[in-house]
Amino acid sequence: MNHSLQKRTEILQDRYGLKTASYLSAAAADLSYDVSERLRAARAQAVAARKIARFQTSPVTAGQGAGPVLTWGTDEGFSLWNRIGSIVPLIALVVGLLTINSLQTDSFVQELAEVDSALLTDELPPDAFSDPGFVQFLKATR
């Protein structure tokens, strides 16, 4: 989108320049010799002072026909620190996920241990909880 907007802006600027030049050329026939020579000298100075467009290269981050990828195979713009900087977030993500998994597993085991210890230290034997009559007794007392 941005590239097409720049292209459109350039086209509009070129059209404006050509239109202005045609108006100036049409009016130049009516000017005196002194004025036309001063304009010619000013035109030569303006052309000499114009900026020359420079093309700048930028590192490519997309493969052919694919989504954005890092170009590991080339050494263009990727020093050792850039590669390390690209790998460190991945390592941090993996370490974070492993830590979260470990903490959740520990909390689940802790909850199961609390339930087991409550069942074992209760006055009722564990077999009473599996007895269908005990379930009926609990419903009746509510």
Protein backbone atom coordinates (compact mmCIF):
# COMPACT_ATOMS: atom_id res chain seq x y z
CA MET A 1 0.00 0.00 0.00
CA ASN A 2 2.74 2.45 0.93
CA HIS A 3 4.76 1.62 -2.18
CA SER A 4 1.80 2.26 -4.50
CA LEU A 5 1.07 5.56 -2.74
CA GLN A 6 4.67 6.67 -3.31
CA LYS A 7 4.46 5.65 -6.95
CA ARG A 8 1.20 7.58 -7.39
CA THR A 9 2.75 10.66 -5.77
CA GLU A 10 5.71 10.47 -8.15
CA ILE A 11 3.40 10.18 -11.16
CA LEU A 12 1.37 13.20 -10.05
CA GLN A 13 4.55 15.23 -9.51
CA ASP A 14 5.80 14.30 -12.99
CA ARG A 15 2.49 15.33 -14.57
CA TYR A 16 2.54 18.66 -12.75
CA GLY A 17 6.11 19.29 -13.87
CA LEU A 18 5.31 18.50 -17.52
CA LYS A 19 2.23 20.71 -17.46
CA THR A 20 4.15 23.61 -15.90
CA ALA A 21 6.96 23.17 -18.42
CA SER A 22 4.52 23.29 -21.32
CA TYR A 23 3.00 26.56 -20.02
CA LEU A 24 6.45 28.07 -19.54
CA SER A 25 7.59 26.94 -22.99
CA ALA A 26 4.51 28.50 -24.59
CA ALA A 27 5.15 31.81 -22.83
CA ALA A 28 8.91 31.75 -23.54
CA ALA A 29 8.39 32.81 -27.17
CA ASP A 30 7.12 36.21 -26.02
CA LEU A 31 10.18 37.00 -23.83
CA SER A 32 13.06 39.29 -24.77
CA TYR A 33 16.56 37.97 -25.48
CA ASP A 34 18.01 39.18 -22.12
CA VAL A 35 15.27 37.53 -20.07
CA SER A 36 15.53 34.27 -22.01
CA GLU A 37 19.33 34.17 -21.47
CA ARG A 38 18.92 34.75 -17.72
CA LEU A 39 16.33 31.96 -17.61
CA ARG A 40 18.65 29.64 -19.55
CA ALA A 41 21.49 30.33 -17.07
CA ALA A 42 19.18 29.78 -14.10
CA ARG A 43 17.93 26.53 -15.65
CA ALA A 44 21.52 25.31 -16.10
CA GLN A 45 22.30 26.12 -12.44
CA ALA A 46 19.17 24.33 -11.24
CA VAL A 47 19.99 21.20 -13.24
CA ALA A 48 23.59 21.21 -11.94
CA ALA A 49 22.45 21.63 -8.32
CA ARG A 50 19.78 18.91 -8.34
CA LYS A 51 20.19 15.93 -6.07
CA ILE A 52 21.09 12.66 -7.66
CA ALA A 53 18.94 9.80 -6.42
CA ARG A 54 20.87 7.08 -4.63
CA PHE A 55 19.65 3.55 -4.40
CA GLN A 56 20.02 2.00 -0.97
CA THR A 57 19.99 -1.71 -0.34
CA SER A 58 18.14 -3.24 2.55
CA PRO A 59 18.43 -6.73 4.03
CA VAL A 60 15.89 -9.21 2.69
CA THR A 61 13.75 -10.96 5.28
CA ALA A 62 11.42 -12.92 3.01
CA GLY A 63 12.02 -16.08 1.06
CA GLN A 64 10.69 -16.81 -2.41
CA GLY A 65 6.97 -17.51 -2.32
CA ALA A 66 6.91 -17.85 1.46
CA GLY A 67 6.17 -15.77 4.50
CA PRO A 68 8.78 -13.77 6.40
CA VAL A 69 11.84 -15.84 7.21
CA LEU A 70 15.34 -15.14 8.39
CA THR A 71 17.95 -15.78 5.72
CA TRP A 72 20.39 -17.89 7.71
CA GLY A 73 22.30 -19.11 4.67
CA THR A 74 23.74 -15.74 3.71
CA ASP A 75 26.14 -13.52 5.57
CA GLU A 76 24.59 -10.30 4.27
CA GLY A 77 23.82 -8.18 7.31
CA PHE A 78 23.73 -11.03 9.82
CA SER A 79 26.65 -10.98 12.19
CA LEU A 80 27.13 -13.35 15.09
CA TRP A 81 25.37 -10.93 17.47
CA ASN A 82 22.36 -10.67 15.16
CA ARG A 83 22.03 -14.44 15.07
CA ILE A 84 22.39 -14.70 18.84
CA GLY A 85 19.80 -11.93 19.22
CA SER A 86 17.43 -13.91 17.03
CA ILE A 87 17.87 -17.14 18.98
CA VAL A 88 17.69 -15.71 22.53
CA PRO A 89 13.91 -14.93 22.39
CA LEU A 90 13.23 -18.47 21.20
CA ILE A 91 15.25 -19.92 24.08
CA ALA A 92 13.46 -17.59 26.54
CA LEU A 93 10.08 -18.76 25.19
CA VAL A 94 10.98 -22.45 25.57
CA VAL A 95 12.33 -21.92 29.11
CA GLY A 96 9.18 -19.98 30.04
CA LEU A 97 6.88 -22.70 28.72
CA LEU A 98 8.81 -25.41 30.55
CA THR A 99 8.67 -23.39 33.78
CA ILE A 100 4.90 -22.88 33.46
CA ASN A 101 4.41 -26.60 32.80
CA SER A 102 6.52 -27.51 35.83
CA LEU A 103 4.66 -25.10 38.13
CA GLN A 104 1.25 -26.34 36.98
CA THR A 105 2.27 -29.98 37.41
CA ASP A 106 3.57 -29.24 40.91
CA SER A 107 0.34 -27.50 41.93
CA PHE A 108 -1.75 -30.39 40.55
CA VAL A 109 0.33 -32.92 42.49
CA GLN A 110 0.02 -30.74 45.61
CA GLU A 111 -3.78 -30.69 45.33
CA LEU A 112 -3.91 -34.47 44.87
CA ALA A 113 -1.69 -34.94 47.91
CA GLU A 114 -3.99 -32.75 50.01
CA VAL A 115 -7.05 -34.79 48.96
CA ASP A 116 -5.27 -38.07 49.65
CA SER A 117 -4.08 -36.93 53.06
CA ALA A 118 -7.59 -35.69 53.93
CA LEU A 119 -9.04 -39.08 52.95
CA LEU A 120 -6.44 -41.02 54.93
CA THR A 121 -6.68 -38.91 58.09
CA ASP A 122 -10.50 -38.85 58.11
CA GLU A 123 -12.43 -40.85 60.71
CA LEU A 124 -14.18 -42.80 57.97
CA PRO A 125 -12.30 -45.54 56.16
CA PRO A 126 -11.69 -44.91 52.40
CA ASP A 127 -13.99 -47.83 51.52
CA ALA A 128 -16.96 -45.93 52.98
CA PHE A 129 -16.75 -43.33 50.22
CA SER A 130 -17.23 -46.00 47.53
CA ASP A 131 -20.20 -47.64 49.34
CA PRO A 132 -23.55 -46.76 47.60
CA GLY A 133 -25.30 -46.69 50.95
CA PHE A 134 -22.93 -43.96 52.20
CA VAL A 135 -23.89 -41.73 49.25
CA GLN A 136 -27.56 -42.25 50.13
CA PHE A 137 -26.77 -41.43 53.77
CA LEU A 138 -25.09 -38.15 52.72
CA LYS A 139 -28.07 -37.18 50.55
CA ALA A 140 -30.53 -37.94 53.34
CA THR A 141 -28.69 -35.83 55.94
CA ARG A 142 -28.76 -32.72 53.77
